[in-house]
Each structure stands twice: as structure tokens, then as C-alpha cells.
Amino acid sequence: MKNTASVCVAIAMVVLAASSASAGQGAADKGAAVYAAQKCSMCHSVAGKGGKLALDGAGSNLGKLSAADITEWIVKPAEAAKKHASKAKPPMRAYASLPKEDLDNLVAYMVSLKK
């Protein structure tokens, strides 16, 4: 009986982990749509498509940023630029009014690019 309970707990943990990973990918997919809708590709590029500031691959600093850092770059870019000593021109526009769900999904998309 004790072994059965342990097996059930283990199975539940595996199912939860799988659904969490799936939810993360869903958020990243929604974030890609936010990236497109907000026209981020006017300045930034992914997979070689878009503006001059690559978000993936060689030369990208995205891999060094936490989700909180990415959020700050989106919502308060002037503060993030000072914090990270960025001299990129033109300065990034603030997206402070982006709905929280869109912001969270966009950050999930950016985090997915680091993999």
C-alpha cells in the first residue's frame, strides 16, 4: 500500500512537470505572437530575420539576462540601459502599458530563445 502511494505521487509529479513544460511552451508561442504584434522585429532580429539587434545567436546578450532583467528592458528600458551600461542607439522604447499577460508571454518567448 505504501509503495502504491509512492508510485502515485511519482506519477503525479511527472504529469505536473510535463504540463508545466507544455504551459511554458504555450506561453512562449503566445509571446512570439506578441513580439510580432508589437513589431519588435523593426529593431530586433530572431533567426536572422528583423532588425540589427539580434536576440539569439552570436552577439546576443539575452543569454546573460534573467527573466526579471528582460522584463525591465521591456517596461523600463532607460533604467535597464543604465544598469547594464548599454549605449545602443536608438534607445529602446518603453512598453509600460503592455498587459501583464502579454508581458509575461513575451518574456517567456525571450527566455525560450536562450535555449
Protein backbone atom coordinates (compact mmCIF):
# COMPACT_ATOMS: atom_id res chain seq x y z
CA MET A 1 0.00 0.00 0.00
CA LYS A 2 2.85 2.37 0.90
CA ASN A 3 4.59 1.56 -2.41
CA THR A 4 1.38 2.25 -4.33
CA ALA A 5 1.09 5.69 -2.74
CA SER A 6 4.71 6.45 -3.58
CA VAL A 7 4.17 5.39 -7.18
CA CYS A 8 1.05 7.56 -7.43
CA VAL A 9 2.93 10.57 -6.07
CA ALA A 10 5.78 9.97 -8.52
CA ILE A 11 3.37 9.71 -11.46
CA ALA A 12 1.60 12.89 -10.37
CA MET A 13 4.92 14.73 -10.22
CA VAL A 14 5.84 13.59 -13.73
CA VAL A 15 2.44 14.67 -15.09
CA LEU A 16 2.72 18.07 -13.40
CA ALA A 17 6.24 18.60 -14.73
CA ALA A 18 5.14 17.70 -18.25
CA SER A 19 2.12 20.00 -18.14
CA SER A 20 4.29 22.81 -16.73
CA ALA A 21 6.75 22.42 -19.62
CA SER A 22 3.85 22.39 -22.06
CA ALA A 23 2.38 25.53 -20.46
CA GLY A 24 5.79 27.22 -20.72
CA GLN A 25 5.94 26.43 -24.43
CA GLY A 26 2.38 27.72 -24.84
CA ALA A 27 3.39 30.99 -23.19
CA ALA A 28 6.44 31.22 -25.46
CA ASP A 29 4.24 30.66 -28.53
CA LYS A 30 1.88 33.41 -27.35
CA GLY A 31 4.92 35.58 -26.68
CA ALA A 32 6.06 35.12 -30.27
CA ALA A 33 2.68 36.49 -31.34
CA VAL A 34 3.14 39.49 -29.00
CA TYR A 35 6.64 40.01 -30.47
CA ALA A 36 5.08 40.15 -33.94
CA ALA A 37 2.10 42.31 -32.92
CA GLN A 38 4.32 44.86 -31.17
CA LYS A 39 6.60 44.95 -34.24
CA CYS A 40 9.69 44.14 -32.16
CA SER A 41 11.36 42.91 -35.36
CA MET A 42 11.67 46.52 -36.56
CA CYS A 43 14.75 46.76 -34.30
CA HIS A 44 15.40 43.20 -33.10
CA SER A 45 16.03 40.00 -35.03
CA VAL A 46 15.42 36.32 -34.35
CA ALA A 47 16.91 33.61 -36.57
CA GLY A 48 18.41 36.30 -38.79
CA LYS A 49 15.06 37.96 -39.55
CA GLY A 50 14.32 41.51 -38.47
CA GLY A 51 16.38 44.49 -37.35
CA LYS A 52 20.05 44.75 -36.46
CA LEU A 53 19.85 43.84 -32.74
CA ALA A 54 19.94 40.03 -32.62
CA LEU A 55 18.10 38.38 -29.74
CA ASP A 56 19.55 34.96 -30.46
CA GLY A 57 22.85 33.51 -31.60
CA ALA A 58 26.30 35.07 -31.58
CA GLY A 59 26.49 38.61 -30.33
CA SER A 60 23.29 38.40 -28.31
CA ASN A 61 23.38 39.32 -24.62
CA LEU A 62 19.99 37.72 -24.00
CA GLY A 63 21.61 34.58 -22.55
CA LYS A 64 23.09 36.66 -19.73
CA LEU A 65 19.76 38.16 -18.69
CA SER A 66 17.28 36.78 -16.16
CA ALA A 67 13.53 36.92 -16.78
CA ALA A 68 13.41 39.91 -14.40
CA ASP A 69 16.13 41.67 -16.44
CA ILE A 70 14.22 41.02 -19.67
CA THR A 71 11.04 42.39 -18.10
CA GLU A 72 12.93 45.52 -17.02
CA TRP A 73 14.27 46.01 -20.57
CA ILE A 74 10.71 45.86 -21.92
CA VAL A 75 8.98 48.00 -19.29
CA LYS A 76 11.75 50.37 -18.15
CA PRO A 77 14.43 50.30 -20.86
CA ALA A 78 16.14 53.55 -19.81
CA GLU A 79 16.75 52.15 -16.32
CA ALA A 80 17.88 48.80 -17.76
CA ALA A 81 20.27 50.57 -20.13
CA LYS A 82 21.87 52.44 -17.24
CA LYS A 83 22.07 49.27 -15.14
CA HIS A 84 23.75 47.31 -17.95
CA ALA A 85 25.81 50.24 -19.31
CA SER A 86 24.17 49.91 -22.73
CA LYS A 87 24.92 52.55 -25.32
CA ALA A 88 22.65 51.09 -28.01
CA LYS A 89 21.13 53.67 -30.33
CA PRO A 90 18.38 54.46 -30.74
CA PRO A 91 17.29 53.81 -27.14
CA MET A 92 14.56 51.24 -26.71
CA ARG A 93 11.00 52.45 -26.34
CA ALA A 94 9.21 51.59 -23.06
CA TYR A 95 6.26 49.19 -23.22
CA ALA A 96 4.97 50.00 -19.72
CA SER A 97 1.32 49.72 -20.76
CA LEU A 98 1.66 46.22 -22.22
CA PRO A 99 -0.92 43.98 -20.48
CA LYS A 100 0.65 41.72 -17.83
CA GLU A 101 -0.32 38.53 -19.67
CA ASP A 102 1.27 39.80 -22.90
CA LEU A 103 4.37 40.90 -20.98
CA ASP A 104 4.70 37.52 -19.26
CA ASN A 105 4.27 35.69 -22.56
CA LEU A 106 6.77 37.95 -24.31
CA VAL A 107 9.32 37.30 -21.55
CA ALA A 108 8.65 33.55 -21.84
CA TYR A 109 9.35 33.82 -25.57
CA MET A 110 12.61 35.69 -24.93
CA VAL A 111 13.67 33.12 -22.34
CA SER A 112 12.93 30.34 -24.86
CA LEU A 113 15.39 31.95 -27.30
CA LYS A 114 18.21 31.35 -24.82
CA LYS A 115 17.90 27.57 -25.22
